[in-house]
PDB file of N, CA and C in Angstrom:
ATOM      1  N   MET A   1      78.800 105.988 106.205  1.00  0.00           N
ATOM      2  CA  MET A   1      80.030 106.148 106.944  1.00  0.00           C
ATOM      3  C   MET A   1      81.124 105.234 106.402  1.00  0.00           C
ATOM      4  N   LEU A   2      80.817 103.942 106.152  1.00  0.00           N
ATOM      5  CA  LEU A   2      81.820 103.029 105.621  1.00  0.00           C
ATOM      6  C   LEU A   2      82.296 103.489 104.250  1.00  0.00           C
ATOM      7  N   THR A   3      81.388 103.990 103.425  1.00  0.00           N
ATOM      8  CA  THR A   3      81.786 104.475 102.102  1.00  0.00           C
ATOM      9  C   THR A   3      82.799 105.602 102.221  1.00  0.00           C
ATOM     10  N   GLU A   4      82.599 106.497 103.161  1.00  0.00           N
ATOM     11  CA  GLU A   4      83.532 107.605 103.363  1.00  0.00           C
ATOM     12  C   GLU A   4      84.901 107.102 103.817  1.00  0.00           C
ATOM     13  N   ILE A   5      84.917 106.143 104.736  1.00  0.00           N
ATOM     14  CA  ILE A   5      86.176 105.593 105.237  1.00  0.00           C
ATOM     15  C   ILE A   5      86.908 104.840 104.125  1.00  0.00           C
ATOM     16  N   VAL A   6      86.188 104.034 103.353  1.00  0.00           N
ATOM     17  CA  VAL A   6      86.801 103.287 102.257  1.00  0.00           C
ATOM     18  C   VAL A   6      87.304 104.254 101.190  1.00  0.00           C
ATOM     19  N   THR A   7      86.575 105.315 100.920  1.00  0.00           N
ATOM     20  CA  THR A   7      87.016 106.316  99.949  1.00  0.00           C
ATOM     21  C   THR A   7      88.323 106.956 100.401  1.00  0.00           C
ATOM     22  N   ARG A   8      88.426 107.303 101.681  1.00  0.00           N
ATOM     23  CA  ARG A   8      89.678 107.860 102.215  1.00  0.00           C
ATOM     24  C   ARG A   8      90.818 106.864 102.071  1.00  0.00           C
ATOM     25  N   ALA A   9      90.552 105.593 102.382  1.00  0.00           N
ATOM     26  CA  ALA A   9      91.589 104.560 102.291  1.00  0.00           C
ATOM     27  C   ALA A   9      92.056 104.374 100.851  1.00  0.00           C
ATOM     28  N   LEU A  10      91.120 104.286  99.917  1.00  0.00           N
ATOM     29  CA  LEU A  10      91.499 104.121  98.513  1.00  0.00           C
ATOM     30  C   LEU A  10      92.232 105.350  97.980  1.00  0.00           C
ATOM     31  N   SER A  11      91.854 106.522  98.443  1.00  0.00           N
ATOM     32  CA  SER A  11      92.555 107.747  98.030  1.00  0.00           C
ATOM     33  C   SER A  11      94.003 107.709  98.509  1.00  0.00           C
ATOM     34  N   GLN A  12      94.217 107.290  99.759  1.00  0.00           N
ATOM     35  CA  GLN A  12      95.583 107.180 100.273  1.00  0.00           C
ATOM     36  C   GLN A  12      96.350 106.092  99.546  1.00  0.00           C
ATOM     37  N   LEU A  13      95.707 104.979  99.287  1.00  0.00           N
ATOM     38  CA  LEU A  13      96.352 103.835  98.660  1.00  0.00           C
ATOM     39  C   LEU A  13      96.761 104.118  97.217  1.00  0.00           C
ATOM     40  N   THR A  14      95.911 104.801  96.474  1.00  0.00           N
ATOM     41  CA  THR A  14      96.197 105.061  95.061  1.00  0.00           C
ATOM     42  C   THR A  14      96.950 106.358  94.828  1.00  0.00           C
ATOM     43  N   GLY A  15      96.938 107.256  95.809  1.00  0.00           N
ATOM     44  CA  GLY A  15      97.588 108.549  95.623  1.00  0.00           C
ATOM     45  C   GLY A  15      96.743 109.513  94.820  1.00  0.00           C
ATOM     46  N   SER A  16      95.463 109.200  94.628  1.00  0.00           N
ATOM     47  CA  SER A  16      94.547 110.048  93.855  1.00  0.00           C
ATOM     48  C   SER A  16      93.330 110.382  94.708  1.00  0.00           C
ATOM     49  N   ALA A  17      92.922 111.634  94.679  1.00  0.00           N
ATOM     50  CA  ALA A  17      91.720 112.036  95.407  1.00  0.00           C
ATOM     51  C   ALA A  17      90.505 111.419  94.725  1.00  0.00           C
ATOM     52  N   LEU A  18      89.769 110.584  95.453  1.00  0.00           N
ATOM     53  CA  LEU A  18      88.586 109.926  94.907  1.00  0.00           C
ATOM     54  C   LEU A  18      87.353 110.413  95.643  1.00  0.00           C
ATOM     55  N   ASN A  19      86.201 110.252  95.005  1.00  0.00           N
ATOM     56  CA  ASN A  19      84.940 110.513  95.684  1.00  0.00           C
ATOM     57  C   ASN A  19      84.160 109.206  95.727  1.00  0.00           C
ATOM     58  N   GLY A  20      82.996 109.213  96.321  1.00  0.00           N
ATOM     59  CA  GLY A  20      82.202 108.000  96.463  1.00  0.00           C
ATOM     60  C   GLY A  20      81.929 107.304  95.149  1.00  0.00           C
ATOM     61  N   ASP A  21      81.674 108.060  94.081  1.00  0.00           N
ATOM     62  CA  ASP A  21      81.437 107.461  92.775  1.00  0.00           C
ATOM     63  C   ASP A  21      82.713 106.884  92.182  1.00  0.00           C
ATOM     64  N   GLY A  22      83.869 107.455  92.553  1.00  0.00           N
ATOM     65  CA  GLY A  22      85.146 107.015  92.008  1.00  0.00           C
ATOM     66  C   GLY A  22      85.629 105.681  92.529  1.00  0.00           C
ATOM     67  N   ILE A  23      84.995 105.160  93.587  1.00  0.00           N
ATOM     68  CA  ILE A  23      85.447 103.879  94.137  1.00  0.00           C
ATOM     69  C   ILE A  23      84.664 102.693  93.590  1.00  0.00           C
ATOM     70  N   LYS A  24      83.594 102.957  92.869  1.00  0.00           N
ATOM     71  CA  LYS A  24      82.775 101.864  92.336  1.00  0.00           C
ATOM     72  C   LYS A  24      83.595 101.010  91.379  1.00  0.00           C
ATOM     73  N   GLY A  25      83.553  99.701  91.600  1.00  0.00           N
ATOM     74  CA  GLY A  25      84.253  98.757  90.744  1.00  0.00           C
ATOM     75  C   GLY A  25      85.726  98.587  91.062  1.00  0.00           C
ATOM     76  N   GLN A  26      86.236  99.293  92.070  1.00  0.00           N
ATOM     77  CA  GLN A  26      87.659  99.223  92.401  1.00  0.00           C
ATOM     78  C   GLN A  26      88.005  98.033  93.292  1.00  0.00           C
ATOM     79  N   PHE A  27      87.013  97.406  93.921  1.00  0.00           N
ATOM     80  CA  PHE A  27      87.285  96.335  94.878  1.00  0.00           C
ATOM     81  C   PHE A  27      86.051  95.459  95.024  1.00  0.00           C
ATOM     82  N   GLN A  28      86.245  94.289  95.665  1.00  0.00           N
ATOM     83  CA  GLN A  28      85.120  93.386  95.894  1.00  0.00           C
ATOM     84  C   GLN A  28      84.334  93.790  97.134  1.00  0.00           C
ATOM     85  N   TYR A  29      85.029  93.926  98.264  1.00  0.00           N
ATOM     86  CA  TYR A  29      84.377  94.384  99.485  1.00  0.00           C
ATOM     87  C   TYR A  29      85.425  94.903 100.450  1.00  0.00           C
ATOM     88  N   ALA A  30      84.966  95.554 101.519  1.00  0.00           N
ATOM     89  CA  ALA A  30      85.887  96.169 102.478  1.00  0.00           C
ATOM     90  C   ALA A  30      85.299  96.102 103.885  1.00  0.00           C
ATOM     91  N   TYR A  31      86.202  96.137 104.865  1.00  0.00           N
ATOM     92  CA  TYR A  31      85.841  96.211 106.277  1.00  0.00           C
ATOM     93  C   TYR A  31      86.646  97.328 106.919  1.00  0.00           C
ATOM     94  N   ALA A  32      86.083  97.951 107.930  1.00  0.00           N
ATOM     95  CA  ALA A  32      86.800  98.963 108.713  1.00  0.00           C
ATOM     96  C   ALA A  32      86.777  98.559 110.179  1.00  0.00           C
ATOM     97  N   SER A  33      87.857  98.895 110.883  1.00  0.00           N
ATOM     98  CA  SER A  33      87.868  98.661 112.328  1.00  0.00           C
ATOM     99  C   SER A  33      86.839  99.583 112.979  1.00  0.00           C
ATOM    100  N   ASP A  34      86.404  99.247 114.167  1.00  0.00           N
ATOM    101  CA  ASP A  34      85.358 100.020 114.846  1.00  0.00           C
ATOM    102  C   ASP A  34      85.735 101.489 115.017  1.00  0.00           C
ATOM    103  N   ASP A  35      87.010 101.768 115.261  1.00  0.00           N
ATOM    104  CA  ASP A  35      87.447 103.155 115.437  1.00  0.00           C
ATOM    105  C   ASP A  35      87.755 103.853 114.118  1.00  0.00           C
ATOM    106  N   GLY A  36      87.660 103.121 112.981  1.00  0.00           N
ATOM    107  CA  GLY A  36      87.875 103.717 111.671  1.00  0.00           C
ATOM    108  C   GLY A  36      89.330 103.934 111.296  1.00  0.00           C
ATOM    109  N   GLN A  37      90.262 103.449 112.105  1.00  0.00           N
ATOM    110  CA  GLN A  37      91.674 103.657 111.796  1.00  0.00           C
ATOM    111  C   GLN A  37      92.161 102.740 110.681  1.00  0.00           C
ATOM    112  N   PHE A  38      91.690 101.485 110.670  1.00  0.00           N
ATOM    113  CA  PHE A  38      92.156 100.506 109.704  1.00  0.00           C
ATOM    114  C   PHE A  38      91.033 100.114 108.753  1.00  0.00           C
ATOM    115  N   VAL A  39      91.387  99.948 107.477  1.00  0.00           N
ATOM    116  CA  VAL A  39      90.440  99.512 106.460  1.00  0.00           C
ATOM    117  C   VAL A  39      91.077  98.363 105.693  1.00  0.00           C
ATOM    118  N   ALA A  40      90.370  97.247 105.571  1.00  0.00           N
ATOM    119  CA  ALA A  40      90.818  96.098 104.789  1.00  0.00           C
ATOM    120  C   ALA A  40      89.989  96.054 103.513  1.00  0.00           C
ATOM    121  N   ILE A  41      90.667  96.034 102.370  1.00  0.00           N
ATOM    122  CA  ILE A  41      89.998  96.083 101.071  1.00  0.00           C
ATOM    123  C   ILE A  41      90.425  94.863 100.265  1.00  0.00           C
ATOM    124  N   LEU A  42      89.456  94.025  99.866  1.00  0.00           N
ATOM    125  CA  LEU A  42      89.738  92.883  99.006  1.00  0.00           C
ATOM    126  C   LEU A  42      89.534  93.323  97.563  1.00  0.00           C
ATOM    127  N   THR A  43      90.611  93.233  96.770  1.00  0.00           N
ATOM    128  CA  THR A  43      90.534  93.654  95.372  1.00  0.00           C
ATOM    129  C   THR A  43      90.178  92.474  94.472  1.00  0.00           C
ATOM    130  N   HIS A  44      89.964  92.757  93.206  1.00  0.00           N
ATOM    131  CA  HIS A  44      89.538  91.730  92.262  1.00  0.00           C
ATOM    132  C   HIS A  44      90.607  90.679  91.997  1.00  0.00           C
ATOM    133  N   ASP A  45      91.878  90.988  92.258  1.00  0.00           N
ATOM    134  CA  ASP A  45      92.938  89.992  92.075  1.00  0.00           C
ATOM    135  C   ASP A  45      93.166  89.168  93.345  1.00  0.00           C
ATOM    136  N   MET A  46      92.232  89.253  94.308  1.00  0.00           N
ATOM    137  CA  MET A  46      92.237  88.502  95.564  1.00  0.00           C
ATOM    138  C   MET A  46      93.370  88.923  96.502  1.00  0.00           C
ATOM    139  N   THR A  47      93.840  90.151  96.374  1.00  0.00           N
ATOM    140  CA  THR A  47      94.799  90.722  97.305  1.00  0.00           C
ATOM    141  C   THR A  47      94.027  91.570  98.303  1.00  0.00           C
ATOM    142  N   THR A  48      94.370  91.428  99.574  1.00  0.00           N
ATOM    143  CA  THR A  48      93.779  92.268 100.612  1.00  0.00           C
ATOM    144  C   THR A  48      94.766  93.372 100.943  1.00  0.00           C
ATOM    145  N   TYR A  49      94.346  94.611 100.761  1.00  0.00           N
ATOM    146  CA  TYR A  49      95.146  95.769 101.152  1.00  0.00           C
ATOM    147  C   TYR A  49      94.569  96.306 102.455  1.00  0.00           C
ATOM    148  N   VAL A  50      95.430  96.486 103.444  1.00  0.00           N
ATOM    149  CA  VAL A  50      95.017  97.066 104.712  1.00  0.00           C
ATOM    150  C   VAL A  50      95.658  98.435 104.817  1.00  0.00           C
ATOM    151  N   VAL A  51      94.831  99.452 105.016  1.00  0.00           N
ATOM    152  CA  VAL A  51      95.311 100.834 105.099  1.00  0.00           C
ATOM    153  C   VAL A  51      95.126 101.332 106.527  1.00  0.00           C
ATOM    154  N   ASP A  52      96.195 101.915 107.069  1.00  0.00           N
ATOM    155  CA  ASP A  52      96.164 102.589 108.369  1.00  0.00           C
ATOM    156  C   ASP A  52      95.953 104.065 108.044  1.00  0.00           C
ATOM    157  N   LEU A  53      94.734 104.546 108.217  1.00  0.00           N
ATOM    158  CA  LEU A  53      94.397 105.915 107.829  1.00  0.00           C
ATOM    159  C   LEU A  53      95.155 106.958 108.645  1.00  0.00           C
ATOM    160  N   ASN A  54      95.418 106.675 109.922  1.00  0.00           N
ATOM    161  CA  ASN A  54      96.107 107.652 110.766  1.00  0.00           C
ATOM    162  C   ASN A  54      97.574 107.808 110.373  1.00  0.00           C
ATOM    163  N   ALA A  55      98.247 106.695 110.095  1.00  0.00           N
ATOM    164  CA  ALA A  55      99.676 106.730 109.770  1.00  0.00           C
ATOM    165  C   ALA A  55      99.937 106.818 108.271  1.00  0.00           C
ATOM    166  N   GLN A  56      98.896 106.770 107.447  1.00  0.00           N
ATOM    167  CA  GLN A  56      98.995 106.806 105.988  1.00  0.00           C
ATOM    168  C   GLN A  56      99.977 105.763 105.466  1.00  0.00           C
ATOM    169  N   ARG A  57      99.744 104.517 105.884  1.00  0.00           N
ATOM    170  CA  ARG A  57     100.566 103.397 105.455  1.00  0.00           C
ATOM    171  C   ARG A  57      99.657 102.237 105.089  1.00  0.00           C
ATOM    172  N   TYR A  58     100.214 101.227 104.406  1.00  0.00           N
ATOM    173  CA  TYR A  58      99.424 100.072 103.997  1.00  0.00           C
ATOM    174  C   TYR A  58     100.307  98.832 103.936  1.00  0.00           C
ATOM    175  N   PHE A  59      99.676  97.673 103.892  1.00  0.00           N
ATOM    176  CA  PHE A  59     100.371  96.443 103.542  1.00  0.00           C
ATOM    177  C   PHE A  59      99.421  95.578 102.726  1.00  0.00           C
ATOM    178  N   ALA A  60      99.999  94.661 101.962  1.00  0.00           N
ATOM    179  CA  ALA A  60      99.225  93.768 101.106  1.00  0.00           C
ATOM    180  C   ALA A  60      99.350  92.346 101.639  1.00  0.00           C
ATOM    181  N   GLU A  61      98.234  91.625 101.661  1.00  0.00           N
ATOM    182  CA  GLU A  61      98.189  90.238 102.122  1.00  0.00           C
ATOM    183  C   GLU A  61      97.541  89.409 101.023  1.00  0.00           C
ATOM    184  N   CYS A  62      98.276  88.436 100.504  1.00  0.00           N
ATOM    185  CA  CYS A  62      97.763  87.608  99.411  1.00  0.00           C
ATOM    186  C   CYS A  62      97.303  86.231  99.867  1.00  0.00           C
ATOM    187  N   GLY A  63      97.347  85.967 101.169  1.00  0.00           N
ATOM    188  CA  GLY A  63      97.074  84.632 101.664  1.00  0.00           C
ATOM    189  C   GLY A  63      95.645  84.346 102.065  1.00  0.00           C
ATOM    190  N   GLY A  64      94.732  85.246 101.830  1.00  0.00           N
ATOM    191  CA  GLY A  64      93.361  84.967 102.232  1.00  0.00           C
ATOM    192  C   GLY A  64      92.445  86.152 102.011  1.00  0.00           C
ATOM    193  N   SER A  65      91.243  86.019 102.527  1.00  0.00           N
ATOM    194  CA  SER A  65      90.208  87.039 102.383  1.00  0.00           C
ATOM    195  C   SER A  65      89.815  87.578 103.746  1.00  0.00           C
ATOM    196  N   PRO A  66      89.603  88.891 103.861  1.00  0.00           N
ATOM    197  CA  PRO A  66      89.219  89.462 105.159  1.00  0.00           C
ATOM    198  C   PRO A  66      87.806  89.041 105.554  1.00  0.00           C
ATOM    199  N   ARG A  67      87.614  88.868 106.860  1.00  0.00           N
ATOM    200  CA  ARG A  67      86.304  88.506 107.398  1.00  0.00           C
ATOM    201  C   ARG A  67      85.813  89.506 108.424  1.00  0.00           C
ATOM    202  N   GLY A  68      86.604  90.531 108.708  1.00  0.00           N
ATOM    203  CA  GLY A  68      86.177  91.563 109.639  1.00  0.00           C
ATOM    204  C   GLY A  68      87.229  91.829 110.696  1.00  0.00           C
ATOM    205  N   PHE A  69      87.021  92.907 111.421  1.00  0.00           N
ATOM    206  CA  PHE A  69      87.925  93.310 112.489  1.00  0.00           C
ATOM    207  C   PHE A  69      87.316  92.998 113.847  1.00  0.00           C
ATOM    208  N   ALA A  70      88.185  92.618 114.776  1.00  0.00           N
ATOM    209  CA  ALA A  70      87.851  92.531 116.196  1.00  0.00           C
ATOM    210  C   ALA A  70      88.862  93.446 116.868  1.00  0.00           C
ATOM    211  N   GLY A  71      88.448  94.677 117.138  1.00  0.00           N
ATOM    212  CA  GLY A  71      89.405  95.679 117.606  1.00  0.00           C
ATOM    213  C   GLY A  71      90.363  96.019 116.474  1.00  0.00           C
ATOM    214  N   HIS A  72      91.666  95.864 116.730  1.00  0.00           N
ATOM    215  CA  HIS A  72      92.675  96.099 115.694  1.00  0.00           C
ATOM    216  C   HIS A  72      93.229  94.792 115.134  1.00  0.00           C
ATOM    217  N   VAL A  73      92.475  93.717 115.287  1.00  0.00           N
ATOM    218  CA  VAL A  73      92.871  92.420 114.745  1.00  0.00           C
ATOM    219  C   VAL A  73      91.965  92.102 113.562  1.00  0.00           C
ATOM    220  N   LEU A  74      92.598  91.893 112.402  1.00  0.00           N
ATOM    221  CA  LEU A  74      91.849  91.537 111.206  1.00  0.00           C
ATOM    222  C   LEU A  74      91.729  90.028 111.131  1.00  0.00           C
ATOM    223  N   GLU A  75      90.505  89.544 111.093  1.00  0.00           N
ATOM    224  CA  GLU A  75      90.258  88.114 110.963  1.00  0.00           C
ATOM    225  C   GLU A  75      90.243  87.766 109.483  1.00  0.00           C
ATOM    226  N   MET A  76      91.053  86.784 109.104  1.00  0.00           N
ATOM    227  CA  MET A  76      91.215  86.386 107.705  1.00  0.00           C
ATOM    228  C   MET A  76      90.808  84.935 107.520  1.00  0.00           C
ATOM    229  N   GLU A  77      90.344  84.614 106.320  1.00  0.00           N
ATOM    230  CA  GLU A  77      90.027  83.242 105.944  1.00  0.00           C
ATOM    231  C   GLU A  77      90.946  82.858 104.801  1.00  0.00           C
ATOM    232  N   GLY A  78      91.608  81.710 104.936  1.00  0.00           N
ATOM    233  CA  GLY A  78      92.553  81.251 103.923  1.00  0.00           C
ATOM    234  C   GLY A  78      93.843  80.849 104.587  1.00  0.00           C
ATOM    235  N   ALA A  79      94.784  80.406 103.814  1.00  0.00           N
ATOM    236  CA  ALA A  79      96.064  79.947 104.354  1.00  0.00           C
ATOM    237  C   ALA A  79      97.012  81.122 104.534  1.00  0.00           C
ATOM    238  N   ALA A  80      97.594  81.258 105.726  1.00  0.00           N
ATOM    239  CA  ALA A  80      98.540  82.343 105.991  1.00  0.00           C
ATOM    240  C   ALA A  80      99.770  82.226 105.099  1.00  0.00           C
ATOM    241  N   THR A  81     100.256  81.027 104.876  1.00  0.00           N
ATOM    242  CA  THR A  81     101.304  80.793 103.880  1.00  0.00           C
ATOM    243  C   THR A  81     100.730  79.777 102.917  1.00  0.00           C
ATOM    244  N   ARG A  82     100.414  80.222 101.757  1.00  0.00           N
ATOM    245  CA  ARG A  82      99.654  79.433 100.801  1.00  0.00           C
ATOM    246  C   ARG A  82     100.568  78.479 100.034  1.00  0.00           C
ATOM    247  N   SER A  83     100.277  77.169 100.096  1.00  0.00           N
ATOM    248  CA  SER A  83     101.014  76.205  99.302  1.00  0.00           C
ATOM    249  C   SER A  83     100.168  75.732  98.119  1.00  0.00           C
ATOM    250  N   HIS A  84      98.894  75.959  98.196  1.00  0.00           N
ATOM    251  CA  HIS A  84      97.961  75.603  97.129  1.00  0.00           C
ATOM    252  C   HIS A  84      97.500  76.905  96.476  1.00  0.00           C
ATOM    253  N   PRO A  85      97.203  76.891  95.181  1.00  0.00           N
ATOM    254  CA  PRO A  85      96.817  78.146  94.514  1.00  0.00           C
ATOM    255  C   PRO A  85      95.612  78.862  95.125  1.00  0.00           C
ATOM    256  N   TRP A  86      94.701  78.130  95.760  1.00  0.00           N
ATOM    257  CA  TRP A  86      93.527  78.767  96.368  1.00  0.00           C
ATOM    258  C   TRP A  86      93.450  78.344  97.824  1.00  0.00           C
ATOM    259  N   PRO A  87      93.171  79.281  98.701  1.00  0.00           N
ATOM    260  CA  PRO A  87      93.107  78.931 100.127  1.00  0.00           C
ATOM    261  C   PRO A  87      91.904  78.053 100.442  1.00  0.00           C
ATOM    262  N   ALA A  88      92.062  77.204 101.447  1.00  0.00           N
ATOM    263  CA  ALA A  88      90.942  76.386 101.908  1.00  0.00           C
ATOM    264  C   ALA A  88      89.888  77.294 102.532  1.00  0.00           C
ATOM    265  N   ALA A  89      88.649  76.921 102.402  1.00  0.00           N
ATOM    266  CA  ALA A  89      87.558  77.786 102.842  1.00  0.00           C
ATOM    267  C   ALA A  89      87.490  77.972 104.352  1.00  0.00           C
ATOM    268  N   ASN A  90      88.055  77.064 105.126  1.00  0.00           N
ATOM    269  CA  ASN A  90      87.885  77.153 106.565  1.00  0.00           C
ATOM    270  C   ASN A  90      89.148  77.463 107.345  1.00  0.00           C
ATOM    271  N   ASP A  91      90.284  77.681 106.689  1.00  0.00           N
ATOM    272  CA  ASP A  91      91.513  78.032 107.389  1.00  0.00           C
ATOM    273  C   ASP A  91      91.421  79.489 107.826  1.00  0.00           C
ATOM    274  N   LEU A  92      91.435  79.717 109.146  1.00  0.00           N
ATOM    275  CA  LEU A  92      91.310  81.066 109.680  1.00  0.00           C
ATOM    276  C   LEU A  92      92.615  81.488 110.333  1.00  0.00           C
ATOM    277  N   PHE A  93      92.962  82.775 110.185  1.00  0.00           N
ATOM    278  CA  PHE A  93      94.106  83.320 110.891  1.00  0.00           C
ATOM    279  C   PHE A  93      93.854  84.795 111.149  1.00  0.00           C
ATOM    280  N   ASP A  94      94.608  85.348 112.084  1.00  0.00           N
ATOM    281  CA  ASP A  94      94.440  86.738 112.493  1.00  0.00           C
ATOM    282  C   ASP A  94      95.684  87.549 112.148  1.00  0.00           C
ATOM    283  N   LEU A  95      95.472  88.812 111.819  1.00  0.00           N
ATOM    284  CA  LEU A  95      96.563  89.761 111.599  1.00  0.00           C
ATOM    285  C   LEU A  95      96.378  90.905 112.584  1.00  0.00           C
ATOM    286  N   ASP A  96      97.319  91.076 113.489  1.00  0.00           N
ATOM    287  CA  ASP A  96      97.249  92.113 114.518  1.00  0.00           C
ATOM    288  C   ASP A  96      97.856  93.402 113.970  1.00  0.00           C
ATOM    289  N   MET A  97      97.031  94.418 113.799  1.00  0.00           N
ATOM    290  CA  MET A  97      97.491  95.684 113.236  1.00  0.00           C
ATOM    291  C   MET A  97      98.500  96.393 114.132  1.00  0.00           C
ATOM    292  N   ASP A  98      98.479  96.104 115.423  1.00  0.00           N
ATOM    293  CA  ASP A  98      99.395  96.741 116.365  1.00  0.00           C
ATOM    294  C   ASP A  98     100.669  95.927 116.570  1.00  0.00           C
ATOM    295  N   GLY A  99     100.762  94.757 115.926  1.00  0.00           N
ATOM    296  CA  GLY A  99     101.937  93.899 116.066  1.00  0.00           C
ATOM    297  C   GLY A  99     103.088  94.375 115.192  1.00  0.00           C
ATOM    298  N   ASP A 100     104.231  93.748 115.391  1.00  0.00           N
ATOM    299  CA  ASP A 100     105.445  94.129 114.659  1.00  0.00           C
ATOM    300  C   ASP A 100     105.717  93.252 113.448  1.00  0.00           C
ATOM    301  N   ASP A 101     104.853  92.289 113.155  1.00  0.00           N
ATOM    302  CA  ASP A 101     105.153  91.334 112.092  1.00  0.00           C
ATOM    303  C   ASP A 101     104.550  91.693 110.735  1.00  0.00           C
ATOM    304  N   LEU A 102     103.987  92.868 110.578  1.00  0.00           N
ATOM    305  CA  LEU A 102     103.408  93.289 109.306  1.00  0.00           C
ATOM    306  C   LEU A 102     104.395  94.176 108.546  1.00  0.00           C
ATOM    307  N   SER A 103     104.441  94.017 107.238  1.00  0.00           N
ATOM    308  CA  SER A 103     105.355  94.798 106.398  1.00  0.00           C
ATOM    309  C   SER A 103     104.642  96.043 105.864  1.00  0.00           C
ATOM    310  N   TRP A 104     104.575  97.060 106.689  1.00  0.00           N
ATOM    311  CA  TRP A 104     103.891  98.295 106.305  1.00  0.00           C
ATOM    312  C   TRP A 104     104.733  99.065 105.294  1.00  0.00           C
ATOM    313  N   ARG A 105     104.062  99.714 104.359  1.00  0.00           N
ATOM    314  CA  ARG A 105     104.686 100.620 103.388  1.00  0.00           C
ATOM    315  C   ARG A 105     103.970 101.958 103.476  1.00  0.00           C
ATOM    316  N   GLN A 106     104.678 103.005 103.162  1.00  0.00           N
ATOM    317  CA  GLN A 106     104.067 104.335 103.174  1.00  0.00           C
ATOM    318  C   GLN A 106     103.140 104.492 101.968  1.00  0.00           C
ATOM    319  N   CYS A 107     101.959 105.055 102.184  1.00  0.00           N
ATOM    320  CA  CYS A 107     101.047 105.324 101.080  1.00  0.00           C
ATOM    321  C   CYS A 107     101.631 106.434 100.208  1.00  0.00           C
ATOM    322  N   PRO A 108     101.368 106.380  98.900  1.00  0.00           N
ATOM    323  CA  PRO A 108     101.835 107.482  98.056  1.00  0.00           C
ATOM    324  C   PRO A 108     101.102 108.768  98.413  1.00  0.00           C
ATOM    325  N   GLY A 109     101.760 109.884  98.268  1.00  0.00           N
ATOM    326  CA  GLY A 109     101.096 111.160  98.503  1.00  0.00           C
ATOM    327  C   GLY A 109     100.052 111.413  97.433  1.00  0.00           C
ATOM    328  N   LEU A 110      99.042 112.211  97.761  1.00  0.00           N
ATOM    329  CA  LEU A 110      98.013 112.521  96.771  1.00  0.00           C
ATOM    330  C   LEU A 110      98.623 113.275  95.607  1.00  0.00           C
ATOM    331  N   ARG A 111      98.285 112.813  94.424  1.00  0.00           N
ATOM    332  CA  ARG A 111      98.777 113.446  93.199  1.00  0.00           C
ATOM    333  C   ARG A 111      97.627 114.187  92.546  1.00  0.00           C
ATOM    334  N   HIS A 112      97.948 115.222  91.829  1.00  0.00           N
ATOM    335  CA  HIS A 112      96.909 115.993  91.140  1.00  0.00           C
ATOM    336  C   HIS A 112      96.864 115.662  89.657  1.00  0.00           C
ATOM    337  N   ALA A 113      97.543 114.595  89.246  1.00  0.00           N
ATOM    338  CA  ALA A 113      97.534 114.191  87.839  1.00  0.00           C
ATOM    339  C   ALA A 113      96.183 113.571  87.504  1.00  0.00           C
ATOM    340  N   SER A 114      95.959 113.333  86.249  1.00  0.00           N
ATOM    341  CA  SER A 114      94.687 112.744  85.810  1.00  0.00           C
ATOM    342  C   SER A 114      94.769 111.229  85.895  1.00  0.00           C
ATOM    343  N   ALA A 115      95.014 110.720  87.075  1.00  0.00           N
ATOM    344  CA  ALA A 115      95.140 109.277  87.288  1.00  0.00           C
ATOM    345  C   ALA A 115      93.928 108.716  88.012  1.00  0.00           C
ATOM    346  N   ASN A 116      92.820 109.416  87.995  1.00  0.00           N
ATOM    347  CA  ASN A 116      91.654 109.014  88.769  1.00  0.00           C
ATOM    348  C   ASN A 116      91.054 107.696  88.335  1.00  0.00           C
ATOM    349  N   ASN A 117      91.326 107.225  87.124  1.00  0.00           N
ATOM    350  CA  ASN A 117      90.703 106.001  86.657  1.00  0.00           C
ATOM    351  C   ASN A 117      91.585 104.779  86.830  1.00  0.00           C
ATOM    352  N   ARG A 118      92.741 104.907  87.471  1.00  0.00           N
ATOM    353  CA  ARG A 118      93.606 103.757  87.692  1.00  0.00           C
ATOM    354  C   ARG A 118      93.059 102.911  88.827  1.00  0.00           C
ATOM    355  N   SER A 119      93.275 101.605  88.719  1.00  0.00           N
ATOM    356  CA  SER A 119      92.749 100.702  89.732  1.00  0.00           C
ATOM    357  C   SER A 119      93.713 100.569  90.903  1.00  0.00           C
ATOM    358  N   VAL A 120      93.229 100.003  91.982  1.00  0.00           N
ATOM    359  CA  VAL A 120      94.049  99.769  93.166  1.00  0.00           C
ATOM    360  C   VAL A 120      95.210  98.861  92.815  1.00  0.00           C
ATOM    361  N   GLU A 121      94.945  97.789  92.059  1.00  0.00           N
ATOM    362  CA  GLU A 121      95.992  96.834  91.731  1.00  0.00           C
ATOM    363  C   GLU A 121      97.135  97.479  90.967  1.00  0.00           C
ATOM    364  N   SER A 122      96.859  98.423  90.094  1.00  0.00           N
ATOM    365  CA  SER A 122      97.911  99.004  89.269  1.00  0.00           C
ATOM    366  C   SER A 122      98.709 100.066  89.994  1.00  0.00           C
ATOM    367  N   ARG A 123      98.222 100.579  91.114  1.00  0.00           N
ATOM    368  CA  ARG A 123      98.900 101.673  91.786  1.00  0.00           C
ATOM    369  C   ARG A 123      99.615 101.283  93.063  1.00  0.00           C
ATOM    370  N   ALA A 124      99.058 100.362  93.849  1.00  0.00           N
ATOM    371  CA  ALA A 124      99.568 100.129  95.191  1.00  0.00           C
ATOM    372  C   ALA A 124     100.667  99.080  95.264  1.00  0.00           C
ATOM    373  N   ALA A 125     100.626  98.095  94.440  1.00  0.00           N
ATOM    374  CA  ALA A 125     101.596  96.995  94.545  1.00  0.00           C
ATOM    375  C   ALA A 125     102.924  97.464  94.056  1.00  0.00           C
TER     376      ALA A 125
END
């Protein structure tokens, strides 16, 4: 089930229709909210992309690593505003998906071009 949700999120994020095999190597790990609406994906460049599957939108968070969802609140580890190149291991903060303080962007529409091998980092930022 999580693989299917993450595949949908990555497809929306990259604008390319992906399958389960197409997501291998695209990210470090991912979490989904209990209702499956939100997916947090940590990529290899240490950026967390959060995708709202219902609204087809996303935002990028560079200040930490996801630790899971509690409802629609994403629990993060790291500094919310980073002054040091690497976040401290125990600094925790929350991101409320239903709040107004997130900078959501619209996901690109699915494209039928041969862009299936592009990574999340090269397409979403």
